[in-house]
Amino acid sequence: MLFFQAQAQFPPPAGVEGTTAIHADSSIFVAWASQCIVERGFVDISQPELGFVDFGESGDALNKANNTIVSLGDGGMAILEFPQAIINSEGPDFAIFENAFSNEFLELALVYVSSNGVDYELFPAISNTQIETQIEGFGTIDATKIHNLAGKYRMNYGTPFNLSDLSGELSKQGSKISHIKIVDVVGIINEDYAHYDAQNNIINDPWPTPFPSGGFDLDAVGVIHQATGLMEENIKTNLIFPNPNQGSFKIKNPPNEEIIYMEIFHLNAKKLKAFHLESTTIHSHLPKGIYVLVLHSEKSVYRQKMIVL
């Protein structure tokens, strides 16, 4: 088992079949970060006399991803808050956007979450990148070798995080997350400054990046599952029957509303289908699996899990 974990291959870059990257324009996002505090890291952690990075402002990480970024520097961090708490539901619960200009030049960060802004739990990151040789400042990383690290995907594509991957209280269904902390991994393989993954492997990423914009460049954090408002209503409202089904089902309209448009997503947030409803009977022709349906009326949006047997 330990050997398998060490050799595991993870989803590929944005645009490649099997990726879990989520585009910023995806309708699966229901909110974006509304507050951000940044603690800058060094331009070069091994030469602190060079000072701190200073590119961008904390406000550049708010609202929808738009490639306007704030740089964290070596070991720097950002703490973000949201209009409503994030909850653990089916599939990814939020996604983090960085501004990498290619699928291979990646700057990474560890991700922590908290329900109170004081006690944080770290996502179990994995880096299977080699640690014999330092990746140089403009070196590359194979996205299939990293998991649960922000910065896995290029600009405009968010890296998804599923609260179920945690091992503590915050992994439970319905847990409410108020804060997300993002910490630049530095990337140096020198043990004096290195950051480690969940398997105690050093995380190797491009270093040094001795520029005012060095380190992880935070663009935005998008919320997929939100604790109040529409999401709570949607959890209580069953609009699909039968469920589970074999690919065919009916839509039950909410009181005083009519569902007119539907989107179907895989649990990895990839959109599979989108169409206007001509009938309340749907023949989806979906293979066996678990899906998220986003149902639109003229005034509301409903989200619901569906199981195809």
C-alpha atoms as a PDB file:
ATOM      1  CA  MET A   1       0.000   0.000   0.000  1.00  0.00           C
ATOM      2  CA  LEU A   2       2.794   2.418   0.885  1.00  0.00           C
ATOM      3  CA  PHE A   3       4.493   1.681  -2.420  1.00  0.00           C
ATOM      4  CA  PHE A   4       1.278   2.371  -4.325  1.00  0.00           C
ATOM      5  CA  GLN A   5       0.777   5.716  -2.616  1.00  0.00           C
ATOM      6  CA  ALA A   6       4.353   6.759  -3.338  1.00  0.00           C
ATOM      7  CA  GLN A   7       3.927   5.996  -7.023  1.00  0.00           C
ATOM      8  CA  ALA A   8       0.351   7.266  -7.456  1.00  0.00           C
ATOM      9  CA  GLN A   9      -0.404   9.314 -10.532  1.00  0.00           C
ATOM     10  CA  PHE A  10      -2.923  12.129 -10.185  1.00  0.00           C
ATOM     11  CA  PRO A  11      -5.168  14.035 -12.620  1.00  0.00           C
ATOM     12  CA  PRO A  12      -3.370  15.652 -15.576  1.00  0.00           C
ATOM     13  CA  PRO A  13      -3.119  19.352 -16.543  1.00  0.00           C
ATOM     14  CA  ALA A  14      -6.001  21.566 -17.661  1.00  0.00           C
ATOM     15  CA  GLY A  15      -7.192  20.681 -21.141  1.00  0.00           C
ATOM     16  CA  VAL A  16      -6.100  17.041 -20.899  1.00  0.00           C
ATOM     17  CA  GLU A  17      -8.639  14.232 -20.634  1.00  0.00           C
ATOM     18  CA  GLY A  18      -9.166  13.263 -17.016  1.00  0.00           C
ATOM     19  CA  THR A  19      -8.225  16.641 -15.565  1.00  0.00           C
ATOM     20  CA  THR A  20     -10.088  18.020 -12.555  1.00  0.00           C
ATOM     21  CA  ALA A  21      -9.279  21.642 -13.457  1.00  0.00           C
ATOM     22  CA  ILE A  22     -12.302  23.966 -13.248  1.00  0.00           C
ATOM     23  CA  HIS A  23     -12.512  27.044 -15.475  1.00  0.00           C
ATOM     24  CA  ALA A  24     -13.254  30.345 -13.757  1.00  0.00           C
ATOM     25  CA  ASP A  25     -16.370  30.795 -15.913  1.00  0.00           C
ATOM     26  CA  SER A  26     -17.961  27.566 -14.684  1.00  0.00           C
ATOM     27  CA  SER A  27     -21.455  28.042 -13.268  1.00  0.00           C
ATOM     28  CA  ILE A  28     -20.588  25.564 -10.523  1.00  0.00           C
ATOM     29  CA  PHE A  29     -19.133  28.478  -8.534  1.00  0.00           C
ATOM     30  CA  VAL A  30     -21.654  30.129  -6.229  1.00  0.00           C
ATOM     31  CA  ALA A  31     -19.400  32.701  -4.496  1.00  0.00           C
ATOM     32  CA  TRP A  32     -15.860  34.050  -4.267  1.00  0.00           C
ATOM     33  CA  ALA A  33     -13.607  35.192  -1.426  1.00  0.00           C
ATOM     34  CA  SER A  34     -14.672  38.544   0.011  1.00  0.00           C
ATOM     35  CA  GLN A  35     -11.853  39.254   2.485  1.00  0.00           C
ATOM     36  CA  CYS A  36      -8.115  38.590   2.331  1.00  0.00           C
ATOM     37  CA  ILE A  37      -5.166  39.230   4.628  1.00  0.00           C
ATOM     38  CA  VAL A  38      -1.668  38.643   3.241  1.00  0.00           C
ATOM     39  CA  GLU A  39       1.552  38.054   5.157  1.00  0.00           C
ATOM     40  CA  ARG A  40       4.346  38.486   2.638  1.00  0.00           C
ATOM     41  CA  GLY A  41       7.232  36.058   2.323  1.00  0.00           C
ATOM     42  CA  PHE A  42      10.827  36.754   1.420  1.00  0.00           C
ATOM     43  CA  VAL A  43      12.093  37.424  -2.097  1.00  0.00           C
ATOM     44  CA  ASP A  44      14.664  34.708  -1.287  1.00  0.00           C
ATOM     45  CA  ILE A  45      14.283  32.876   2.016  1.00  0.00           C
ATOM     46  CA  SER A  46      18.001  32.064   2.043  1.00  0.00           C
ATOM     47  CA  GLN A  47      18.862  35.775   1.745  1.00  0.00           C
ATOM     48  CA  PRO A  48      16.395  37.598   4.015  1.00  0.00           C
ATOM     49  CA  GLU A  49      18.360  40.831   3.594  1.00  0.00           C
ATOM     50  CA  LEU A  50      16.782  41.102   0.122  1.00  0.00           C
ATOM     51  CA  GLY A  51      13.456  41.823   1.823  1.00  0.00           C
ATOM     52  CA  PHE A  52       9.912  40.806   1.010  1.00  0.00           C
ATOM     53  CA  VAL A  53       7.951  40.481  -2.234  1.00  0.00           C
ATOM     54  CA  ASP A  54       5.535  43.323  -2.896  1.00  0.00           C
ATOM     55  CA  PHE A  55       3.665  42.579  -6.111  1.00  0.00           C
ATOM     56  CA  GLY A  56      -0.115  43.084  -5.991  1.00  0.00           C
ATOM     57  CA  GLU A  57      -2.464  43.867  -3.120  1.00  0.00           C
ATOM     58  CA  SER A  58      -4.581  41.651  -0.891  1.00  0.00           C
ATOM     59  CA  GLY A  59      -7.708  42.895  -2.667  1.00  0.00           C
ATOM     60  CA  ASP A  60      -6.447  41.381  -5.920  1.00  0.00           C
ATOM     61  CA  ALA A  61      -7.350  37.939  -4.551  1.00  0.00           C
ATOM     62  CA  LEU A  62     -11.020  38.847  -4.051  1.00  0.00           C
ATOM     63  CA  ASN A  63     -13.988  38.115  -6.275  1.00  0.00           C
ATOM     64  CA  LYS A  64     -13.874  36.098  -9.492  1.00  0.00           C
ATOM     65  CA  ALA A  65     -10.547  34.911 -10.912  1.00  0.00           C
ATOM     66  CA  ASN A  66      -9.290  37.451 -13.461  1.00  0.00           C
ATOM     67  CA  ASN A  67      -5.468  37.008 -13.506  1.00  0.00           C
ATOM     68  CA  THR A  68      -4.990  39.995 -11.193  1.00  0.00           C
ATOM     69  CA  ILE A  69      -2.822  38.502  -8.468  1.00  0.00           C
ATOM     70  CA  VAL A  70      -1.065  39.075  -5.167  1.00  0.00           C
ATOM     71  CA  SER A  71       2.331  37.390  -4.760  1.00  0.00           C
ATOM     72  CA  LEU A  72       3.061  35.597  -1.492  1.00  0.00           C
ATOM     73  CA  GLY A  73       6.847  35.142  -1.730  1.00  0.00           C
ATOM     74  CA  ASP A  74       8.897  32.384  -0.100  1.00  0.00           C
ATOM     75  CA  GLY A  75       6.765  30.940   2.699  1.00  0.00           C
ATOM     76  CA  GLY A  76       4.247  33.796   2.570  1.00  0.00           C
ATOM     77  CA  MET A  77       0.586  33.243   3.316  1.00  0.00           C
ATOM     78  CA  ALA A  78      -2.913  34.517   2.612  1.00  0.00           C
ATOM     79  CA  ILE A  79      -5.978  34.024   4.799  1.00  0.00           C
ATOM     80  CA  LEU A  80      -9.339  34.373   3.057  1.00  0.00           C
ATOM     81  CA  GLU A  81     -12.926  34.700   4.253  1.00  0.00           C
ATOM     82  CA  PHE A  82     -16.197  34.344   2.379  1.00  0.00           C
ATOM     83  CA  PRO A  83     -19.722  35.811   2.273  1.00  0.00           C
ATOM     84  CA  GLN A  84     -21.074  32.544   3.699  1.00  0.00           C
ATOM     85  CA  ALA A  85     -19.353  29.489   5.155  1.00  0.00           C
ATOM     86  CA  ILE A  86     -18.186  26.694   2.849  1.00  0.00           C
ATOM     87  CA  ILE A  87     -19.668  23.258   3.523  1.00  0.00           C
ATOM     88  CA  ASN A  88     -18.621  19.706   2.759  1.00  0.00           C
ATOM     89  CA  SER A  89     -20.941  18.249   0.146  1.00  0.00           C
ATOM     90  CA  GLU A  90     -20.611  15.899  -2.820  1.00  0.00           C
ATOM     91  CA  GLY A  91     -17.449  16.415  -4.854  1.00  0.00           C
ATOM     92  CA  PRO A  92     -15.084  19.400  -4.595  1.00  0.00           C
ATOM     93  CA  ASP A  93     -16.152  22.188  -2.251  1.00  0.00           C
ATOM     94  CA  PHE A  94     -13.910  25.052  -3.411  1.00  0.00           C
ATOM     95  CA  ALA A  95     -11.130  25.780  -5.894  1.00  0.00           C
ATOM     96  CA  ILE A  96      -7.985  27.933  -5.777  1.00  0.00           C
ATOM     97  CA  PHE A  97      -6.665  29.877  -8.766  1.00  0.00           C
ATOM     98  CA  GLU A  98      -3.034  30.746  -9.506  1.00  0.00           C
ATOM     99  CA  ASN A  99      -1.654  32.471 -12.627  1.00  0.00           C
ATOM    100  CA  ALA A 100       0.786  29.918 -14.077  1.00  0.00           C
ATOM    101  CA  PHE A 101       1.354  30.722 -17.752  1.00  0.00           C
ATOM    102  CA  SER A 102       1.700  27.065 -18.813  1.00  0.00           C
ATOM    103  CA  ASN A 103       0.717  23.567 -17.725  1.00  0.00           C
ATOM    104  CA  GLU A 104       4.251  22.869 -16.499  1.00  0.00           C
ATOM    105  CA  PHE A 105       5.540  26.053 -14.837  1.00  0.00           C
ATOM    106  CA  LEU A 106       3.776  25.675 -11.505  1.00  0.00           C
ATOM    107  CA  GLU A 107       4.252  27.455  -8.182  1.00  0.00           C
ATOM    108  CA  LEU A 108       2.632  25.558  -5.349  1.00  0.00           C
ATOM    109  CA  ALA A 109       1.044  26.234  -1.972  1.00  0.00           C
ATOM    110  CA  LEU A 110      -0.249  24.239   0.977  1.00  0.00           C
ATOM    111  CA  VAL A 111      -3.914  24.696   1.890  1.00  0.00           C
ATOM    112  CA  TYR A 112      -5.426  24.865   5.379  1.00  0.00           C
ATOM    113  CA  VAL A 113      -9.062  25.349   6.424  1.00  0.00           C
ATOM    114  CA  SER A 114     -10.701  26.503   9.655  1.00  0.00           C
ATOM    115  CA  SER A 115     -14.165  26.836  11.106  1.00  0.00           C
ATOM    116  CA  ASN A 116     -13.153  29.646  13.483  1.00  0.00           C
ATOM    117  CA  GLY A 117     -10.072  31.387  12.053  1.00  0.00           C
ATOM    118  CA  VAL A 118      -7.903  30.045  14.888  1.00  0.00           C
ATOM    119  CA  ASP A 119      -7.666  26.256  14.565  1.00  0.00           C
ATOM    120  CA  TYR A 120      -6.623  25.067  11.098  1.00  0.00           C
ATOM    121  CA  GLU A 121      -6.473  21.648   9.457  1.00  0.00           C
ATOM    122  CA  LEU A 122      -4.017  21.019   6.621  1.00  0.00           C
ATOM    123  CA  PHE A 123      -5.090  19.263   3.420  1.00  0.00           C
ATOM    124  CA  PRO A 124      -3.017  16.083   2.949  1.00  0.00           C
ATOM    125  CA  ALA A 125      -0.855  17.189   0.042  1.00  0.00           C
ATOM    126  CA  ILE A 126       1.241  14.734  -1.977  1.00  0.00           C
ATOM    127  CA  SER A 127       4.298  15.592  -4.065  1.00  0.00           C
ATOM    128  CA  ASN A 128       5.893  12.737  -5.995  1.00  0.00           C
ATOM    129  CA  THR A 129       8.289  15.107  -7.758  1.00  0.00           C
ATOM    130  CA  GLN A 130      11.914  14.025  -7.457  1.00  0.00           C
ATOM    131  CA  ILE A 131      13.983  15.686  -4.721  1.00  0.00           C
ATOM    132  CA  GLU A 132      17.490  14.776  -5.897  1.00  0.00           C
ATOM    133  CA  THR A 133      17.843  17.958  -7.964  1.00  0.00           C
ATOM    134  CA  GLN A 134      16.463  21.411  -7.213  1.00  0.00           C
ATOM    135  CA  ILE A 135      13.914  22.608  -9.777  1.00  0.00           C
ATOM    136  CA  GLU A 136      15.388  25.911 -10.946  1.00  0.00           C
ATOM    137  CA  GLY A 137      13.504  29.195 -11.012  1.00  0.00           C
ATOM    138  CA  PHE A 138      11.984  28.625 -14.440  1.00  0.00           C
ATOM    139  CA  GLY A 139      11.870  24.837 -14.213  1.00  0.00           C
ATOM    140  CA  THR A 140       8.795  22.646 -14.680  1.00  0.00           C
ATOM    141  CA  ILE A 141       6.582  20.251 -12.712  1.00  0.00           C
ATOM    142  CA  ASP A 142       4.513  17.303 -13.907  1.00  0.00           C
ATOM    143  CA  ALA A 143       0.964  17.940 -12.644  1.00  0.00           C
ATOM    144  CA  THR A 144       0.262  14.192 -12.499  1.00  0.00           C
ATOM    145  CA  LYS A 145       2.770  13.905  -9.638  1.00  0.00           C
ATOM    146  CA  ILE A 146       1.063  16.363  -7.275  1.00  0.00           C
ATOM    147  CA  HIS A 147      -2.221  16.312  -5.361  1.00  0.00           C
ATOM    148  CA  ASN A 148      -3.996  18.643  -2.933  1.00  0.00           C
ATOM    149  CA  LEU A 149      -1.539  21.443  -3.656  1.00  0.00           C
ATOM    150  CA  ALA A 150      -2.828  24.818  -4.845  1.00  0.00           C
ATOM    151  CA  GLY A 151      -1.199  25.901  -8.104  1.00  0.00           C
ATOM    152  CA  LYS A 152      -1.572  22.520  -9.845  1.00  0.00           C
ATOM    153  CA  TYR A 153      -3.323  24.141 -12.813  1.00  0.00           C
ATOM    154  CA  ARG A 154      -2.535  27.053 -15.129  1.00  0.00           C
ATOM    155  CA  MET A 155      -4.183  30.467 -15.097  1.00  0.00           C
ATOM    156  CA  ASN A 156      -7.985  30.589 -15.452  1.00  0.00           C
ATOM    157  CA  TYR A 157      -8.289  27.036 -14.078  1.00  0.00           C
ATOM    158  CA  GLY A 158      -8.918  26.343 -10.404  1.00  0.00           C
ATOM    159  CA  THR A 159      -7.451  23.469  -8.417  1.00  0.00           C
ATOM    160  CA  PRO A 160     -10.391  21.782  -6.611  1.00  0.00           C
ATOM    161  CA  PHE A 161     -10.355  20.768  -2.948  1.00  0.00           C
ATOM    162  CA  ASN A 162     -12.749  18.307  -1.326  1.00  0.00           C
ATOM    163  CA  LEU A 163     -13.241  18.657   2.432  1.00  0.00           C
ATOM    164  CA  SER A 164     -13.802  14.895   2.589  1.00  0.00           C
ATOM    165  CA  ASP A 165     -10.049  14.500   2.020  1.00  0.00           C
ATOM    166  CA  LEU A 166      -9.432  15.826   5.534  1.00  0.00           C
ATOM    167  CA  SER A 167      -9.174  13.437   8.471  1.00  0.00           C
ATOM    168  CA  GLY A 168     -10.555  15.570  11.316  1.00  0.00           C
ATOM    169  CA  GLU A 169     -13.883  17.116  12.286  1.00  0.00           C
ATOM    170  CA  LEU A 170     -13.945  19.368   9.226  1.00  0.00           C
ATOM    171  CA  SER A 171     -14.231  16.338   6.926  1.00  0.00           C
ATOM    172  CA  LYS A 172     -17.785  15.605   8.072  1.00  0.00           C
ATOM    173  CA  GLN A 173     -20.743  16.289   5.810  1.00  0.00           C
ATOM    174  CA  GLY A 174     -22.169  19.712   6.609  1.00  0.00           C
ATOM    175  CA  SER A 175     -19.018  21.023   8.330  1.00  0.00           C
ATOM    176  CA  LYS A 176     -18.761  24.791   7.924  1.00  0.00           C
ATOM    177  CA  ILE A 177     -15.514  26.436   6.843  1.00  0.00           C
ATOM    178  CA  SER A 178     -15.056  30.145   7.527  1.00  0.00           C
ATOM    179  CA  HIS A 179     -11.367  30.617   6.627  1.00  0.00           C
ATOM    180  CA  ILE A 180      -8.914  29.236   4.072  1.00  0.00           C
ATOM    181  CA  LYS A 181      -5.171  29.711   4.580  1.00  0.00           C
ATOM    182  CA  ILE A 182      -2.803  29.374   1.625  1.00  0.00           C
ATOM    183  CA  VAL A 183       0.934  29.027   2.353  1.00  0.00           C
ATOM    184  CA  ASP A 184       3.651  29.148  -0.307  1.00  0.00           C
ATOM    185  CA  VAL A 185       5.746  25.943  -0.209  1.00  0.00           C
ATOM    186  CA  VAL A 186       9.027  27.802  -0.921  1.00  0.00           C
ATOM    187  CA  GLY A 187      10.080  24.830  -3.059  1.00  0.00           C
ATOM    188  CA  ILE A 188      13.706  24.621  -1.939  1.00  0.00           C
ATOM    189  CA  ILE A 189      14.978  21.099  -1.192  1.00  0.00           C
ATOM    190  CA  ASN A 190      17.385  22.382   1.469  1.00  0.00           C
ATOM    191  CA  GLU A 191      16.010  20.900   4.694  1.00  0.00           C
ATOM    192  CA  ASP A 192      16.598  24.170   6.553  1.00  0.00           C
ATOM    193  CA  TYR A 193      13.812  25.866   4.566  1.00  0.00           C
ATOM    194  CA  ALA A 194      11.840  23.019   2.950  1.00  0.00           C
ATOM    195  CA  HIS A 195       8.129  22.304   3.271  1.00  0.00           C
ATOM    196  CA  TYR A 196       6.882  18.712   3.401  1.00  0.00           C
ATOM    197  CA  ASP A 197       3.874  16.803   2.079  1.00  0.00           C
ATOM    198  CA  ALA A 198       1.642  14.401   4.012  1.00  0.00           C
ATOM    199  CA  GLN A 199       4.106  11.545   3.406  1.00  0.00           C
ATOM    200  CA  ASN A 200       6.987  13.624   4.791  1.00  0.00           C
ATOM    201  CA  ASN A 201       8.470  14.184   1.329  1.00  0.00           C
ATOM    202  CA  ILE A 202      10.086  17.536   0.579  1.00  0.00           C
ATOM    203  CA  ILE A 203       8.007  19.556  -1.903  1.00  0.00           C
ATOM    204  CA  ASN A 204      10.247  20.583  -4.811  1.00  0.00           C
ATOM    205  CA  ASP A 205       9.053  23.481  -6.973  1.00  0.00           C
ATOM    206  CA  PRO A 206      10.762  26.304  -8.940  1.00  0.00           C
ATOM    207  CA  TRP A 207      13.324  28.069  -6.740  1.00  0.00           C
ATOM    208  CA  PRO A 208      14.757  30.601  -6.415  1.00  0.00           C
ATOM    209  CA  THR A 209      12.298  33.129  -7.823  1.00  0.00           C
ATOM    210  CA  PRO A 210      14.051  36.310  -6.548  1.00  0.00           C
ATOM    211  CA  PHE A 211      11.587  38.837  -7.906  1.00  0.00           C
ATOM    212  CA  PRO A 212       8.977  41.194  -6.409  1.00  0.00           C
ATOM    213  CA  SER A 213       6.397  38.726  -7.764  1.00  0.00           C
ATOM    214  CA  GLY A 214       8.109  35.575  -6.466  1.00  0.00           C
ATOM    215  CA  GLY A 215       6.373  32.636  -4.865  1.00  0.00           C
ATOM    216  CA  PHE A 216       2.746  31.567  -5.159  1.00  0.00           C
ATOM    217  CA  ASP A 217       0.627  34.115  -7.055  1.00  0.00           C
ATOM    218  CA  LEU A 218      -2.904  34.043  -5.657  1.00  0.00           C
ATOM    219  CA  ASP A 219      -5.632  35.009  -8.107  1.00  0.00           C
ATOM    220  CA  ALA A 220      -8.875  33.901  -6.420  1.00  0.00           C
ATOM    221  CA  VAL A 221     -10.739  31.268  -4.408  1.00  0.00           C
ATOM    222  CA  GLY A 222     -14.093  30.105  -5.734  1.00  0.00           C
ATOM    223  CA  VAL A 223     -16.795  28.491  -3.586  1.00  0.00           C
ATOM    224  CA  ILE A 224     -18.687  25.471  -4.926  1.00  0.00           C
ATOM    225  CA  HIS A 225     -20.702  24.463  -1.840  1.00  0.00           C
ATOM    226  CA  GLN A 226     -22.046  27.256   0.329  1.00  0.00           C
ATOM    227  CA  ALA A 227     -23.649  26.853   3.735  1.00  0.00           C
ATOM    228  CA  THR A 228     -26.638  29.167   3.537  1.00  0.00           C
ATOM    229  CA  GLY A 229     -29.118  30.566   1.074  1.00  0.00           C
ATOM    230  CA  LEU A 230     -29.618  28.481  -2.034  1.00  0.00           C
ATOM    231  CA  MET A 231     -27.407  25.616  -0.927  1.00  0.00           C
ATOM    232  CA  GLU A 232     -29.373  24.893   2.257  1.00  0.00           C
ATOM    233  CA  GLU A 233     -32.614  25.122   0.332  1.00  0.00           C
ATOM    234  CA  ASN A 234     -31.267  22.775  -2.327  1.00  0.00           C
ATOM    235  CA  ILE A 235     -30.176  20.167   0.202  1.00  0.00           C
ATOM    236  CA  LYS A 236     -33.743  20.010   1.516  1.00  0.00           C
ATOM    237  CA  THR A 237     -35.470  20.104  -1.867  1.00  0.00           C
ATOM    238  CA  ASN A 238     -35.775  16.885  -3.850  1.00  0.00           C
ATOM    239  CA  LEU A 239     -36.584  17.796  -7.439  1.00  0.00           C
ATOM    240  CA  ILE A 240     -35.474  14.565  -9.109  1.00  0.00           C
ATOM    241  CA  PHE A 241     -37.291  11.242  -9.007  1.00  0.00           C
ATOM    242  CA  PRO A 242     -36.648   8.431  -8.955  1.00  0.00           C
ATOM    243  CA  ASN A 243     -33.220   8.918  -7.420  1.00  0.00           C
ATOM    244  CA  PRO A 244     -31.238   6.664  -7.739  1.00  0.00           C
ATOM    245  CA  ASN A 245     -32.289   5.836 -11.314  1.00  0.00           C
ATOM    246  CA  GLN A 246     -30.970   4.152 -14.459  1.00  0.00           C
ATOM    247  CA  GLY A 247     -30.456   7.346 -16.422  1.00  0.00           C
ATOM    248  CA  SER A 248     -34.074   8.349 -16.923  1.00  0.00           C
ATOM    249  CA  PHE A 249     -35.872  10.546 -14.420  1.00  0.00           C
ATOM    250  CA  LYS A 250     -38.497  13.264 -13.973  1.00  0.00           C
ATOM    251  CA  ILE A 251     -38.155  16.829 -12.755  1.00  0.00           C
ATOM    252  CA  LYS A 252     -40.577  18.049 -10.083  1.00  0.00           C
ATOM    253  CA  ASN A 253     -40.986  21.796 -10.303  1.00  0.00           C
ATOM    254  CA  PRO A 254     -40.654  23.757  -7.030  1.00  0.00           C
ATOM    255  CA  PRO A 255     -43.762  25.610  -5.786  1.00  0.00           C
ATOM    256  CA  ASN A 256     -44.588  28.559  -8.049  1.00  0.00           C
ATOM    257  CA  GLU A 257     -41.527  27.941 -10.217  1.00  0.00           C
ATOM    258  CA  GLU A 258     -40.645  26.077 -13.393  1.00  0.00           C
ATOM    259  CA  ILE A 259     -37.279  24.495 -14.121  1.00  0.00           C
ATOM    260  CA  ILE A 260     -36.276  25.671 -17.588  1.00  0.00           C
ATOM    261  CA  TYR A 261     -32.559  24.841 -17.885  1.00  0.00           C
ATOM    262  CA  MET A 262     -30.329  22.040 -16.606  1.00  0.00           C
ATOM    263  CA  GLU A 263     -26.589  21.427 -16.280  1.00  0.00           C
ATOM    264  CA  ILE A 264     -25.093  18.041 -15.410  1.00  0.00           C
ATOM    265  CA  PHE A 265     -21.654  17.816 -13.800  1.00  0.00           C
ATOM    266  CA  HIS A 266     -19.379  14.947 -12.917  1.00  0.00           C
ATOM    267  CA  LEU A 267     -18.273  14.944  -9.272  1.00  0.00           C
ATOM    268  CA  ASN A 268     -14.895  16.317 -10.405  1.00  0.00           C
ATOM    269  CA  ALA A 269     -16.854  19.429 -11.521  1.00  0.00           C
ATOM    270  CA  LYS A 270     -16.475  18.721 -15.248  1.00  0.00           C
ATOM    271  CA  LYS A 271     -19.618  19.826 -17.092  1.00  0.00           C
ATOM    272  CA  LEU A 272     -21.072  16.947 -19.107  1.00  0.00           C
ATOM    273  CA  LYS A 273     -24.323  18.364 -20.480  1.00  0.00           C
ATOM    274  CA  ALA A 274     -26.350  21.584 -20.527  1.00  0.00           C
ATOM    275  CA  PHE A 275     -29.736  22.077 -22.160  1.00  0.00           C
ATOM    276  CA  HIS A 276     -33.116  23.817 -22.019  1.00  0.00           C
ATOM    277  CA  LEU A 277     -35.945  21.608 -20.806  1.00  0.00           C
ATOM    278  CA  GLU A 278     -38.640  20.717 -23.307  1.00  0.00           C
ATOM    279  CA  SER A 279     -40.155  18.098 -21.008  1.00  0.00           C
ATOM    280  CA  THR A 280     -40.031  17.175 -17.326  1.00  0.00           C
ATOM    281  CA  THR A 281     -39.010  13.647 -18.345  1.00  0.00           C
ATOM    282  CA  ILE A 282     -35.268  13.362 -18.952  1.00  0.00           C
ATOM    283  CA  HIS A 283     -33.398  10.518 -20.658  1.00  0.00           C
ATOM    284  CA  SER A 284     -29.806  11.368 -19.764  1.00  0.00           C
ATOM    285  CA  HIS A 285     -28.019   8.271 -21.172  1.00  0.00           C
ATOM    286  CA  LEU A 286     -25.436   8.722 -18.431  1.00  0.00           C
ATOM    287  CA  PRO A 287     -23.238   5.795 -17.383  1.00  0.00           C
ATOM    288  CA  LYS A 288     -23.351   4.491 -13.836  1.00  0.00           C
ATOM    289  CA  GLY A 289     -22.035   7.025 -11.346  1.00  0.00           C
ATOM    290  CA  ILE A 290     -22.789  10.006  -9.130  1.00  0.00           C
ATOM    291  CA  TYR A 291     -23.572  13.386 -10.695  1.00  0.00           C
ATOM    292  CA  VAL A 292     -24.452  16.909  -9.640  1.00  0.00           C
ATOM    293  CA  LEU A 293     -27.418  18.514 -11.396  1.00  0.00           C
ATOM    294  CA  VAL A 294     -27.790  22.281 -11.482  1.00  0.00           C
ATOM    295  CA  LEU A 295     -31.424  23.212 -12.171  1.00  0.00           C
ATOM    296  CA  HIS A 296     -32.377  26.732 -13.170  1.00  0.00           C
ATOM    297  CA  SER A 297     -35.732  28.449 -12.915  1.00  0.00           C
ATOM    298  CA  GLU A 298     -36.250  32.126 -13.795  1.00  0.00           C
ATOM    299  CA  LYS A 299     -35.517  33.194 -10.212  1.00  0.00           C
ATOM    300  CA  SER A 300     -33.598  30.348  -8.506  1.00  0.00           C
ATOM    301  CA  VAL A 301     -30.793  27.843  -8.967  1.00  0.00           C
ATOM    302  CA  TYR A 302     -31.037  24.388  -7.377  1.00  0.00           C
ATOM    303  CA  ARG A 303     -28.234  21.855  -6.972  1.00  0.00           C
ATOM    304  CA  GLN A 304     -28.848  18.174  -6.394  1.00  0.00           C
ATOM    305  CA  LYS A 305     -26.870  14.930  -6.348  1.00  0.00           C
ATOM    306  CA  MET A 306     -28.134  12.131  -8.584  1.00  0.00           C
ATOM    307  CA  ILE A 307     -27.061   8.504  -8.624  1.00  0.00           C
ATOM    308  CA  VAL A 308     -27.271   6.429 -11.812  1.00  0.00           C
ATOM    309  CA  LEU A 309     -27.291   2.669 -11.213  1.00  0.00           C
END
